[in-house]
Amino acid sequence: MDGATLADPVTVNTMSDQHQPGESPQSWEEMLRSMLGEGADEVMAEMRERGIDPTALGGAPDPVMMQYALAQVQKMLSAEGTGPVNADVAHDVARQVAVSEGDPSLTGKQAKDATDALGVAELWLDAVTDLPPAGGTRRAWNRSEWVEATLPVWNELAAPVAASVADALATVLRDQLPEGVDDGEAVPGMPAGVLHGLGGSIDPAQMMRRLGSAVFGMQVGQAAGTLSREVFGATDVGLPLLDSPDTVLLPTNVAAFADGLDAPLEEVRQFLAVREAAHARLFTHVPWLRSHLLSIVERYARGITIDLDALEAQVRDIDLADSDALRSALSGGVFGLQNTDEQKAVLLNLETTLALVEGWVDEVSAMAALPHLPHAIPLREMIRRRRAAGGPAEQTFSTLVGLELRPRRSRDAATLFSIVARAQGTEGRDAVWDHPDLLPGTQDLDDPSGYLVRREAAENEHADIDAALKEIFGEGDPDDAADPEK
């Protein structure tokens, strides 16, 4: 690859003079793939939509075409202030992935069927839970609309980890630079002209932060775009992805899931609508739950440590122009993310909370659907297995951020909520969410039948402590502490 890999618009017109006689006709396509890896597909797809064939850029390139291609590369790497995850790159990649298998606009009938199902779901849930409807708008989305609405949360979740990795990478690379390398000078492993194309005033560490931001943006976009082809609504990954209390169905994905099942599409859609509405009720009327889940993720990210020696050994021979190699590094493992004992406890807390959310929704949805849907039981089992196994996007996100979003113990949680409902009714079951201190823990999932006994013992212990404190500080009637009937 010759010197003007990343040129500013002033140098673009001289590019054709720099071709070597024997250069492959696909050299510029190869350049894009070298710099952007999978992200090059998005750039080239957009070029083809504009009538530009990237494979024809090698012989005697049109300066306008070349300027467009290089502008796309610069767009990936030169934007300032994008943060640890380049939101623009994440958005572009996610949209491209979302539509890669088709994403037609919804018909009026599809939208009506979806919103009607969400309305019926609320009526069925009213009979089995005291939590009222979420109160938001009922919506039908295609995949692109799902990406637009949920991508900000995915960027937020990935940002703390991306920042830690980018800082570590910049530190290691700065230590590796030869003495005397100044801003804008050629750096070993980095194509000549890269810094010039980015304005000439960026030090190599800053360049790597931007490149890391772009690569993390690609990863997040890939995960979110893939998820958009798998999800049925806005809540079925167990995290609150919307700021509003809206309920959502994606008719295209629902129909794809129903295809080949014994249950008719109408039943499948209605069952999934009940689950979506149940999730929305929980996230809306348990006000601390959203912040609780997101704070667990934040605590995990805050405690990340990176083995700089292992990182240096891994990136020592990486060609900085090869974003495939950088993406491989940034996708986990290579950086040697170290999970401390504290982080392991945080991850266990997240897994348990996700399992409790999924278990409550599973139990409540089954109670709501069983009287109405002949296939409710097999549909419930199929969703359980699907959530426990996780899909490609969830695995990508796990590799990228180090977080598992699969509720492995949702069956145990559903059993626990069923036991509480039988003993204390639906009011007692839903009261488990009254305060985070009341949430069952891993011991309760190990032994769901003993949860109520343990909770009662804990409440009695707290009551005894409260009474003793009142007596010590002279509050209330001292005789109350001695008389258990008062």
Protein backbone atom coordinates (compact mmCIF):
# COMPACT_ATOMS: atom_id res chain seq x y z
CA MET A 1 0.00 0.00 0.00
CA ASP A 2 1.47 3.35 -0.95
CA GLY A 3 1.84 6.45 1.14
CA ALA A 4 -1.51 8.24 0.81
CA THR A 5 -3.72 5.69 2.48
CA LEU A 6 -5.69 8.30 4.32
CA ALA A 7 -5.53 11.57 2.47
CA ASP A 8 -7.29 14.81 3.00
CA PRO A 9 -9.34 16.18 0.07
CA VAL A 10 -6.39 18.32 -1.06
CA THR A 11 -4.25 15.26 -1.80
CA VAL A 12 -6.98 13.13 -3.35
CA ASN A 13 -6.47 14.38 -6.90
CA THR A 14 -2.86 13.20 -6.91
CA MET A 15 -3.77 9.64 -5.94
CA SER A 16 -3.97 8.28 -9.46
CA ASP A 17 -0.37 9.38 -10.06
CA GLN A 18 0.82 7.16 -7.22
CA HIS A 19 -0.42 3.80 -8.57
CA GLN A 20 2.19 1.23 -9.39
CA PRO A 21 1.96 -0.30 -12.90
CA GLY A 22 1.32 -3.83 -11.67
CA GLU A 23 -1.14 -2.92 -8.93
CA SER A 24 -4.19 -5.17 -8.64
CA PRO A 25 -7.47 -3.74 -9.97
CA GLN A 26 -8.94 -4.39 -6.51
CA SER A 27 -6.22 -2.64 -4.54
CA TRP A 28 -8.49 0.09 -3.23
CA GLU A 29 -11.16 -2.42 -2.21
CA GLU A 30 -8.42 -4.27 -0.41
CA MET A 31 -7.31 -1.02 1.19
CA LEU A 32 -10.80 -0.46 2.56
CA ARG A 33 -10.93 -4.00 3.91
CA SER A 34 -7.50 -3.63 5.47
CA MET A 35 -8.49 -0.42 7.24
CA LEU A 36 -12.10 -1.25 8.11
CA GLY A 37 -12.44 -5.04 8.06
CA GLU A 38 -16.16 -5.85 8.13
CA GLY A 39 -16.94 -2.16 8.23
CA ALA A 40 -15.72 -1.94 4.62
CA ASP A 41 -18.82 -3.82 3.48
CA GLU A 42 -20.99 -0.94 4.64
CA VAL A 43 -18.85 1.63 2.84
CA MET A 44 -18.77 -0.38 -0.40
CA ALA A 45 -22.50 -1.14 -0.24
CA GLU A 46 -23.23 2.58 -0.03
CA MET A 47 -20.85 3.22 -2.92
CA ARG A 48 -22.62 0.65 -5.07
CA GLU A 49 -25.98 2.23 -4.25
CA ARG A 50 -24.55 5.44 -5.70
CA GLY A 51 -23.46 3.63 -8.86
CA ILE A 52 -19.79 3.37 -7.84
CA ASP A 53 -18.06 -0.01 -8.25
CA PRO A 54 -15.27 -0.28 -5.64
CA THR A 55 -13.53 -3.01 -7.65
CA ALA A 56 -13.05 -0.54 -10.49
CA LEU A 57 -11.10 1.95 -8.44
CA GLY A 58 -7.70 0.41 -9.12
CA GLY A 59 -6.83 1.22 -12.72
CA ALA A 60 -7.41 4.88 -13.43
CA PRO A 61 -9.65 6.02 -10.59
CA ASP A 62 -11.98 8.91 -10.97
CA PRO A 63 -10.82 11.53 -8.43
CA VAL A 64 -14.41 12.10 -7.32
CA MET A 65 -14.91 8.40 -6.65
CA MET A 66 -11.62 8.19 -4.80
CA GLN A 67 -12.45 11.22 -2.70
CA TYR A 68 -15.75 9.61 -1.74
CA ALA A 69 -14.07 6.34 -0.73
CA LEU A 70 -11.41 8.07 1.33
CA ALA A 71 -13.98 10.36 2.91
CA GLN A 72 -15.76 7.26 4.20
CA VAL A 73 -12.53 6.04 5.78
CA GLN A 74 -11.85 9.44 7.31
CA LYS A 75 -15.40 9.53 8.65
CA MET A 76 -14.63 6.32 10.53
CA LEU A 77 -11.46 7.63 12.13
CA SER A 78 -11.35 11.41 12.27
CA ALA A 79 -14.43 12.47 14.22
CA GLU A 80 -13.59 14.11 17.53
CA GLY A 81 -15.60 13.88 20.70
CA THR A 82 -17.26 10.57 19.88
CA GLY A 83 -16.27 9.01 23.19
CA PRO A 84 -14.94 5.52 23.79
CA VAL A 85 -17.58 4.06 21.43
CA ASN A 86 -17.96 5.87 18.11
CA ALA A 87 -21.74 6.27 18.06
CA ASP A 88 -21.82 7.24 14.39
CA VAL A 89 -19.95 4.12 13.35
CA ALA A 90 -22.11 1.96 15.64
CA HIS A 91 -25.23 3.46 14.10
CA ASP A 92 -24.10 2.97 10.51
CA VAL A 93 -22.97 -0.63 11.05
CA ALA A 94 -26.09 -1.54 13.05
CA ARG A 95 -28.38 -0.18 10.36
CA GLN A 96 -26.45 -2.04 7.67
CA VAL A 97 -26.59 -5.33 9.58
CA ALA A 98 -30.26 -4.86 10.45
CA VAL A 99 -31.29 -4.63 6.81
CA SER A 100 -28.83 -7.20 5.45
CA GLU A 101 -31.51 -9.91 5.42
CA GLY A 102 -34.28 -7.54 4.40
CA ASP A 103 -36.23 -5.06 6.48
CA PRO A 104 -39.40 -4.07 4.64
CA SER A 105 -41.70 -1.40 5.94
CA LEU A 106 -44.59 -2.82 7.92
CA THR A 107 -48.01 -3.02 6.36
CA GLY A 108 -51.00 -1.49 8.07
CA LYS A 109 -52.31 -4.96 8.91
CA GLN A 110 -49.01 -6.03 10.48
CA ALA A 111 -48.94 -2.93 12.65
CA LYS A 112 -52.58 -3.30 13.67
CA ASP A 113 -52.21 -7.00 14.51
CA ALA A 114 -49.19 -6.22 16.71
CA THR A 115 -50.73 -3.31 18.60
CA ASP A 116 -54.02 -5.19 19.04
CA ALA A 117 -52.10 -8.13 20.52
CA LEU A 118 -50.37 -5.79 22.97
CA GLY A 119 -53.76 -4.39 23.97
CA VAL A 120 -55.20 -7.86 24.60
CA ALA A 121 -52.08 -8.75 26.58
CA GLU A 122 -52.79 -5.95 29.05
CA LEU A 123 -56.30 -7.30 29.70
CA TRP A 124 -54.98 -10.80 30.38
CA LEU A 125 -52.24 -9.51 32.67
CA ASP A 126 -54.72 -7.46 34.71
CA ALA A 127 -56.17 -10.77 35.92
CA VAL A 128 -52.88 -12.20 37.22
CA THR A 129 -50.81 -9.30 38.59
CA ASP A 130 -51.41 -6.23 40.72
CA LEU A 131 -48.82 -4.24 38.77
CA PRO A 132 -50.80 -1.93 36.46
CA PRO A 133 -50.13 -1.47 32.73
CA ALA A 134 -46.98 0.45 31.84
CA GLY A 135 -49.09 3.22 30.30
CA GLY A 136 -46.92 3.83 27.24
CA THR A 137 -47.73 3.71 23.56
CA ARG A 138 -48.19 0.34 21.86
CA ARG A 139 -45.88 0.18 18.85
CA ALA A 140 -44.97 -2.05 15.90
CA TRP A 141 -41.42 -1.61 14.62
CA ASN A 142 -39.24 -2.95 11.88
CA ARG A 143 -35.62 -3.79 12.60
CA SER A 144 -34.22 -0.39 11.69
CA GLU A 145 -36.62 1.34 14.06
CA TRP A 146 -35.55 -1.01 16.86
CA VAL A 147 -31.90 -0.12 16.21
CA GLU A 148 -32.62 3.60 16.29
CA ALA A 149 -34.49 3.36 19.58
CA THR A 150 -32.19 1.01 21.51
CA LEU A 151 -28.68 1.74 20.23
CA PRO A 152 -28.01 4.55 22.77
CA VAL A 153 -28.30 2.04 25.62
CA TRP A 154 -25.95 -0.44 23.92
CA ASN A 155 -23.39 2.36 23.46
CA GLU A 156 -23.81 3.30 27.12
CA LEU A 157 -23.24 -0.28 28.27
CA ALA A 158 -20.10 -0.74 26.18
CA ALA A 159 -18.56 2.69 26.85
CA PRO A 160 -16.89 2.06 30.23
CA VAL A 161 -15.16 -1.10 29.02
CA ALA A 162 -14.17 0.54 25.74
CA ALA A 163 -12.65 3.48 27.63
CA SER A 164 -10.53 1.21 29.82
CA VAL A 165 -9.27 -0.79 26.85
CA ALA A 166 -8.54 2.31 24.77
CA ASP A 167 -6.53 3.91 27.59
CA ALA A 168 -4.51 0.75 28.09
CA LEU A 169 -3.86 0.38 24.36
CA ALA A 170 -2.76 4.01 24.04
CA THR A 171 -0.40 3.60 27.00
CA VAL A 172 1.22 0.48 25.56
CA LEU A 173 1.59 1.96 22.08
CA ARG A 174 3.07 5.20 23.40
CA ASP A 175 5.66 3.17 25.30
CA GLN A 176 6.51 1.28 22.11
CA LEU A 177 7.08 4.36 19.93
CA PRO A 178 10.69 5.13 19.02
CA GLU A 179 12.25 8.11 20.76
CA GLY A 180 11.78 11.37 18.96
CA VAL A 181 8.55 10.49 17.15
CA ASP A 182 6.49 13.68 17.14
CA ASP A 183 2.92 14.47 16.27
CA GLY A 184 2.19 13.82 12.61
CA GLU A 185 5.39 11.86 11.93
CA ALA A 186 5.39 8.39 10.44
CA VAL A 187 4.92 5.66 13.02
CA PRO A 188 6.10 2.07 12.51
CA GLY A 189 3.14 -0.11 11.57
CA MET A 190 0.98 2.88 10.66
CA PRO A 191 0.55 3.79 6.98
CA ALA A 192 2.32 6.93 5.92
CA GLY A 193 -0.10 9.79 5.50
CA VAL A 194 -2.57 8.56 8.12
CA LEU A 195 -1.81 11.34 10.59
CA HIS A 196 -1.63 13.88 7.78
CA GLY A 197 -5.04 12.78 6.56
CA LEU A 198 -6.43 13.30 10.03
CA GLY A 199 -5.18 16.84 10.25
CA GLY A 200 -1.52 16.36 11.12
CA SER A 201 -1.87 17.32 14.76
CA ILE A 202 -2.84 14.00 16.36
CA ASP A 203 -0.34 12.09 18.42
CA PRO A 204 -0.24 8.31 17.88
CA ALA A 205 -1.94 7.56 21.20
CA GLN A 206 -4.83 9.84 20.28
CA MET A 207 -4.97 8.19 16.88
CA MET A 208 -5.30 4.80 18.55
CA ARG A 209 -8.05 6.04 20.83
CA ARG A 210 -9.98 7.17 17.77
CA LEU A 211 -9.32 3.93 15.96
CA GLY A 212 -10.30 1.97 19.07
CA SER A 213 -13.47 4.03 19.32
CA ALA A 214 -14.29 3.22 15.70
CA VAL A 215 -13.59 -0.48 16.12
CA PHE A 216 -15.69 -0.66 19.28
CA GLY A 217 -18.39 1.17 17.37
CA MET A 218 -18.24 -1.55 14.72
CA GLN A 219 -18.51 -4.25 17.37
CA VAL A 220 -21.45 -2.62 19.15
CA GLY A 221 -23.14 -1.93 15.83
CA GLN A 222 -22.64 -5.54 14.75
CA ALA A 223 -24.14 -6.83 18.01
CA ALA A 224 -27.10 -4.42 17.99
CA GLY A 225 -27.78 -5.01 14.30
CA THR A 226 -27.74 -8.78 14.78
CA LEU A 227 -29.99 -8.48 17.83
CA SER A 228 -32.48 -6.52 15.74
CA ARG A 229 -32.98 -9.65 13.64
CA GLU A 230 -33.55 -11.84 16.72
CA VAL A 231 -35.65 -9.87 19.23
CA PHE A 232 -39.44 -9.77 19.37
CA GLY A 233 -39.80 -6.52 21.31
CA ALA A 234 -37.97 -3.93 23.37
CA THR A 235 -37.53 -5.95 26.56
CA ASP A 236 -36.79 -9.57 25.74
CA VAL A 237 -33.04 -9.37 26.42
CA GLY A 238 -33.83 -8.62 30.05
CA LEU A 239 -32.54 -5.04 30.09
CA PRO A 240 -34.63 -1.85 29.93
CA LEU A 241 -33.60 -0.55 26.52
CA LEU A 242 -36.12 2.30 26.31
CA ASP A 243 -36.54 5.42 28.41
CA SER A 244 -40.29 5.37 27.79
CA PRO A 245 -42.86 2.82 29.05
CA ASP A 246 -43.80 1.85 25.48
CA THR A 247 -44.51 -1.75 24.51
CA VAL A 248 -43.20 -2.99 21.18
CA LEU A 249 -43.45 -5.93 18.82
CA LEU A 250 -41.37 -6.59 15.68
CA PRO A 251 -43.82 -8.37 13.35
CA THR A 252 -41.11 -9.49 10.91
CA ASN A 253 -39.18 -11.32 13.61
CA VAL A 254 -42.33 -12.73 15.20
CA ALA A 255 -43.43 -14.17 11.87
CA ALA A 256 -39.98 -15.66 11.22
CA PHE A 257 -40.03 -17.31 14.66
CA ALA A 258 -43.54 -18.68 14.14
CA ASP A 259 -42.67 -20.12 10.74
CA GLY A 260 -42.37 -23.88 11.12
CA LEU A 261 -43.89 -24.05 14.62
CA ASP A 262 -46.98 -26.09 15.33
CA ALA A 263 -48.65 -23.06 16.89
CA PRO A 264 -50.35 -20.58 14.54
CA LEU A 265 -48.86 -17.13 14.07
CA GLU A 266 -51.74 -15.52 15.97
CA GLU A 267 -50.96 -17.55 19.11
CA VAL A 268 -47.23 -16.94 18.87
CA ARG A 269 -47.75 -13.20 18.46
CA GLN A 270 -50.16 -13.05 21.38
CA PHE A 271 -47.87 -15.03 23.69
CA LEU A 272 -44.91 -12.78 22.88
CA ALA A 273 -47.11 -9.70 23.35
CA VAL A 274 -47.97 -10.90 26.87
CA ARG A 275 -44.28 -11.28 27.71
CA GLU A 276 -43.47 -7.81 26.34
CA ALA A 277 -46.28 -6.19 28.31
CA ALA A 278 -45.26 -8.04 31.49
CA HIS A 279 -41.66 -6.83 31.15
CA ALA A 280 -42.87 -3.26 30.60
CA ARG A 281 -45.04 -3.38 33.73
CA LEU A 282 -42.15 -4.59 35.82
CA PHE A 283 -39.65 -2.02 34.56
CA THR A 284 -42.20 0.81 34.86
CA HIS A 285 -43.67 0.11 38.28
CA VAL A 286 -40.54 -1.11 40.05
CA PRO A 287 -38.83 2.29 39.90
CA TRP A 288 -35.45 1.17 41.22
CA LEU A 289 -35.05 -1.82 38.87
CA ARG A 290 -33.72 -0.01 35.79
CA SER A 291 -31.06 1.92 37.71
CA HIS A 292 -30.24 -1.21 39.71
CA LEU A 293 -29.46 -3.23 36.58
CA LEU A 294 -27.49 -0.47 34.87
CA SER A 295 -25.54 0.28 38.06
CA ILE A 296 -24.46 -3.38 38.24
CA VAL A 297 -23.01 -3.05 34.74
CA GLU A 298 -21.31 0.22 35.71
CA ARG A 299 -19.79 -1.32 38.84
CA TYR A 300 -18.41 -4.16 36.77
CA ALA A 301 -16.88 -1.80 34.20
CA ARG A 302 -15.41 0.45 36.90
CA GLY A 303 -13.46 -2.46 38.34
CA ILE A 304 -11.92 -3.62 35.08
CA THR A 305 -8.16 -4.13 35.17
CA ILE A 306 -6.06 -4.93 32.12
CA ASP A 307 -2.80 -6.87 32.16
CA LEU A 308 -0.54 -4.36 30.41
CA ASP A 309 2.29 -6.87 30.03
CA ALA A 310 -0.01 -9.35 28.29
CA LEU A 311 -1.46 -6.54 26.17
CA GLU A 312 1.98 -5.35 25.11
CA ALA A 313 2.98 -8.89 24.13
CA GLN A 314 -0.15 -9.26 22.01
CA VAL A 315 -0.03 -5.93 20.17
CA ARG A 316 3.73 -5.78 19.68
CA ASP A 317 3.50 -7.34 16.19
CA ILE A 318 0.07 -6.03 15.17
CA ASP A 319 0.04 -3.91 12.03
CA LEU A 320 -1.78 -0.77 13.10
CA ALA A 321 -3.20 -0.47 9.58
CA ASP A 322 -4.90 -3.84 9.91
CA SER A 323 -8.19 -3.22 11.67
CA ASP A 324 -9.07 -6.92 11.47
CA ALA A 325 -6.16 -7.60 13.82
CA LEU A 326 -7.18 -4.69 16.02
CA ARG A 327 -10.79 -5.86 16.05
CA SER A 328 -9.64 -9.31 17.08
CA ALA A 329 -7.71 -7.74 19.93
CA LEU A 330 -10.54 -5.48 20.98
CA SER A 331 -13.09 -8.30 20.93
CA GLY A 332 -11.74 -9.73 24.16
CA GLY A 333 -9.30 -12.36 25.33
CA VAL A 334 -6.26 -10.68 23.81
CA PHE A 335 -6.46 -7.86 26.34
CA GLY A 336 -6.43 -10.19 29.31
CA LEU A 337 -9.38 -8.60 31.13
CA GLN A 338 -8.95 -9.63 34.75
CA ASN A 339 -12.10 -10.42 36.72
CA THR A 340 -11.38 -9.77 40.38
CA ASP A 341 -13.30 -11.50 43.15
CA GLU A 342 -15.36 -8.33 43.53
CA GLN A 343 -16.23 -8.34 39.84
CA LYS A 344 -17.17 -11.99 39.94
CA ALA A 345 -19.60 -11.13 42.72
CA VAL A 346 -20.98 -8.27 40.60
CA LEU A 347 -21.45 -10.59 37.63
CA LEU A 348 -23.23 -13.12 39.83
CA ASN A 349 -25.49 -10.32 41.06
CA LEU A 350 -26.30 -9.36 37.47
CA GLU A 351 -27.00 -12.94 36.46
CA THR A 352 -29.26 -13.44 39.48
CA THR A 353 -31.19 -10.22 38.86
CA LEU A 354 -31.68 -11.05 35.17
CA ALA A 355 -32.89 -14.51 36.17
CA LEU A 356 -35.39 -12.97 38.61
CA VAL A 357 -36.73 -10.60 35.95
CA GLU A 358 -37.05 -13.44 33.46
CA GLY A 359 -38.53 -15.80 36.08
CA TRP A 360 -41.22 -13.31 37.13
CA VAL A 361 -42.14 -12.55 33.52
CA ASP A 362 -42.14 -16.27 32.69
CA GLU A 363 -44.46 -17.14 35.57
CA VAL A 364 -46.84 -14.19 35.15
CA SER A 365 -47.03 -14.59 31.35
CA ALA A 366 -47.81 -18.29 31.66
CA MET A 367 -50.61 -17.60 34.15
CA ALA A 368 -52.05 -14.94 31.84
CA ALA A 369 -51.82 -17.03 28.65
CA LEU A 370 -52.75 -20.54 29.82
CA PRO A 371 -56.53 -19.93 29.96
CA HIS A 372 -56.54 -18.50 26.44
CA LEU A 373 -53.82 -20.10 24.28
CA PRO A 374 -53.85 -23.86 23.53
CA HIS A 375 -50.09 -23.84 22.81
CA ALA A 376 -49.07 -21.74 25.82
CA ILE A 377 -47.09 -24.53 27.50
CA PRO A 378 -44.89 -25.49 24.50
CA LEU A 379 -44.39 -21.82 23.64
CA ARG A 380 -43.29 -21.16 27.21
CA GLU A 381 -40.77 -23.99 27.04
CA MET A 382 -39.43 -22.85 23.67
CA ILE A 383 -38.86 -19.30 24.93
CA ARG A 384 -37.17 -20.63 28.07
CA ARG A 385 -34.69 -22.62 26.02
CA ARG A 386 -34.11 -19.77 23.62
CA ARG A 387 -33.33 -17.30 26.40
CA ALA A 388 -31.08 -19.72 28.27
CA ALA A 389 -29.02 -20.54 25.17
CA GLY A 390 -28.58 -16.97 23.94
CA GLY A 391 -28.11 -15.93 20.34
CA PRO A 392 -25.13 -14.79 18.24
CA ALA A 393 -25.62 -11.14 19.18
CA GLU A 394 -25.68 -11.86 22.90
CA GLN A 395 -22.51 -13.91 22.51
CA THR A 396 -20.88 -11.03 20.62
CA PHE A 397 -21.84 -8.59 23.37
CA SER A 398 -20.55 -11.00 26.00
CA THR A 399 -17.19 -11.22 24.24
CA LEU A 400 -17.02 -7.46 23.73
CA VAL A 401 -18.01 -6.26 27.19
CA GLY A 402 -17.48 -9.39 29.28
CA LEU A 403 -21.09 -9.47 30.47
CA GLU A 404 -23.49 -12.38 30.19
CA LEU A 405 -27.05 -11.31 29.43
CA ARG A 406 -28.43 -14.84 29.62
CA PRO A 407 -30.64 -15.62 32.64
CA ARG A 408 -29.24 -19.10 33.22
CA ARG A 409 -31.36 -19.68 36.32
CA SER A 410 -34.69 -18.35 35.11
CA ARG A 411 -36.38 -21.74 35.72
CA ASP A 412 -35.35 -21.65 39.38
CA ALA A 413 -36.58 -18.06 39.63
CA ALA A 414 -39.93 -18.96 38.03
CA THR A 415 -40.27 -21.83 40.51
CA LEU A 416 -39.58 -19.44 43.38
CA PHE A 417 -42.22 -16.94 42.25
CA SER A 418 -44.71 -19.79 41.79
CA ILE A 419 -44.08 -20.96 45.37
CA VAL A 420 -44.55 -17.45 46.75
CA ALA A 421 -47.78 -17.00 44.76
CA ARG A 422 -49.21 -20.25 46.12
CA ALA A 423 -48.34 -19.26 49.68
CA GLN A 424 -49.13 -15.54 49.63
CA GLY A 425 -51.11 -14.94 46.44
CA THR A 426 -50.20 -12.67 43.55
CA GLU A 427 -49.89 -9.70 45.90
CA GLY A 428 -47.18 -11.46 47.90
CA ARG A 429 -45.41 -12.59 44.74
CA ASP A 430 -45.29 -9.07 43.32
CA ALA A 431 -44.26 -7.63 46.71
CA VAL A 432 -40.87 -9.30 46.25
CA TRP A 433 -40.05 -6.27 44.07
CA ASP A 434 -40.93 -3.73 46.75
CA HIS A 435 -37.29 -3.16 47.66
CA PRO A 436 -33.94 -4.44 46.35
CA ASP A 437 -33.15 -5.80 49.82
CA LEU A 438 -36.08 -8.21 49.46
CA LEU A 439 -34.77 -9.72 46.24
CA PRO A 440 -33.93 -13.41 46.46
CA GLY A 441 -30.26 -14.31 46.15
CA THR A 442 -28.34 -17.24 44.77
CA GLN A 443 -29.08 -19.29 47.90
CA ASP A 444 -32.79 -18.77 47.28
CA LEU A 445 -32.46 -19.92 43.68
CA ASP A 446 -30.60 -22.99 44.95
CA ASP A 447 -33.47 -23.71 47.34
CA PRO A 448 -36.63 -21.87 46.20
CA SER A 449 -38.87 -23.72 48.66
CA GLY A 450 -36.92 -22.27 51.61
CA TYR A 451 -37.05 -18.64 50.47
CA LEU A 452 -40.11 -17.63 52.51
CA VAL A 453 -38.75 -19.22 55.68
CA ARG A 454 -35.43 -17.44 55.31
CA ARG A 455 -37.12 -14.13 54.53
CA GLU A 456 -39.37 -14.42 57.58
CA ALA A 457 -36.37 -15.17 59.79
CA ALA A 458 -34.52 -12.14 58.38
CA GLU A 459 -37.57 -9.89 58.94
CA ASN A 460 -37.89 -11.08 62.55
CA GLU A 461 -34.20 -10.41 63.13
CA HIS A 462 -34.55 -6.89 61.75
CA ALA A 463 -37.63 -6.31 63.91
CA ASP A 464 -35.73 -7.38 67.04
CA ILE A 465 -32.85 -5.05 66.16
CA ASP A 466 -35.23 -2.14 65.52
CA ALA A 467 -36.95 -2.70 68.88
CA ALA A 468 -33.62 -2.84 70.71
CA LEU A 469 -32.46 0.38 69.05
CA LYS A 470 -35.66 2.15 70.00
CA GLU A 471 -35.18 1.09 73.61
CA ILE A 472 -31.53 2.21 73.61
CA PHE A 473 -32.38 5.66 72.24
CA GLY A 474 -35.42 6.05 74.48
CA GLU A 475 -37.99 5.92 71.69
CA GLY A 476 -41.41 4.42 72.26
CA ASP A 477 -42.64 2.48 75.29
CA PRO A 478 -39.93 0.27 76.89
CA ASP A 479 -42.64 -2.27 77.71
CA ASP A 480 -43.23 -2.76 73.95
CA ALA A 481 -39.86 -4.44 73.60
CA ALA A 482 -40.71 -6.89 76.40
CA ASP A 483 -44.24 -7.62 75.19
CA PRO A 484 -44.19 -9.41 71.80
CA GLU A 485 -47.94 -8.80 71.42
CA LYS A 486 -47.38 -5.05 71.14
